[in-house]
Amino acid sequence: MVVVAVGLVLCTTLLVLLATSLTRMSPGWWRSVRADDPRTVELAEAIENDLVNVMYKVRDEAKEPWSIGLRAADANAWLNTRLGQWLTNRDDNFVWPTHVQNLQVEFDRGLIYVGVELVRDESSQVLSATLRPDFHDDGSLWVRAESVMIGRLPLPADWILKQAESNWPDLLPAAALESPATRRLLDALAGRGPLAGDPVVELGDGRRVRVLAMRSADSTLHLTLQTEFED
C-alpha cells in the first residue's frame, strides 16, 4: 500500500509538472510578429489596400460569386499593427488593453486557430481557441469554439468559457465589454448565437459584399463572396 501511495504521488506530481510546462509553451502553429518592424507595417498596409480595392471593384450586376484568399501571415500583420487604430476609429472610448501584446491566427484543416499573448509582471502566456466556421441555412455565420488551450494544454472549451466569463473584466477594458460587438463575439464563441446573423460588408456606395462560404486550408482562408446591388 505504501508503494502504491508513493507511486500515485509521483504520478500526480509528474502530471502537474507536465501540465505546468505545457501552459508555458506556445501552440505549434504560433508565430510571433513584431508590430514595430517596418516590414510588418508595410505588409499590413498593403493587404488592407488590396482588400479595399478588391471589395470596391466594379463587378457585373449578374451577382456572380467571386473569391479571394487571405493568408495567415497577412492577417497577423494587420491584426498587430492596424486593428487597434481600426477599433479606435469606430469607438472613441476604446482603449487597447496594455497586457494584450500579440494576436495570431492560423487557417488549416477547415479550422480557424486564434490566439492572444497576455503579458503580466514580465511573464507571458498564450491563450488560444480552435474555431470551426459554419454557415446555417439562414445564411448566418457561426464560429463556436471547439477547444481552448492555455499554452499547449488543451481544455474543454465550454468549461473554460464559463470560468472566464467572471474574469472578463480583468482581461478586457470596460468599454470593450460594453460594446455589442464584443458581447456578440463572446456569445458566438460559447455557441449562444451567430457571429454574424447577416454576414455582409457595407461598401458605402449602395453595394454590399456578402460572405457566402469560407474554407480554411494551408494557412489561407478562402472566402466565397457576392456583391449585391441596390434594387
Foldseek 3Di string as FASTA:
>chain_A
DVVVVVVVVVVVVVVVVVQVVQLQAADPVDDFDDLPDPVLVVLQVVVVVVVLCVVPDDDDQVFDKDKDKDFQSSVQSNVQHPPVVVVCVVPVPADDDPQWHGWGWFFADQKIKIWTWGDDPNGIKIKIFIWHWDADPLRFIATATCWIDNRRRIDGQLVVLVVCVVVVVVVGPPVLVPDPLNVLVSCRNNVNDTNGSFAWADSPPQKIKGWRDWGTHDRMIMTIITIHHDD
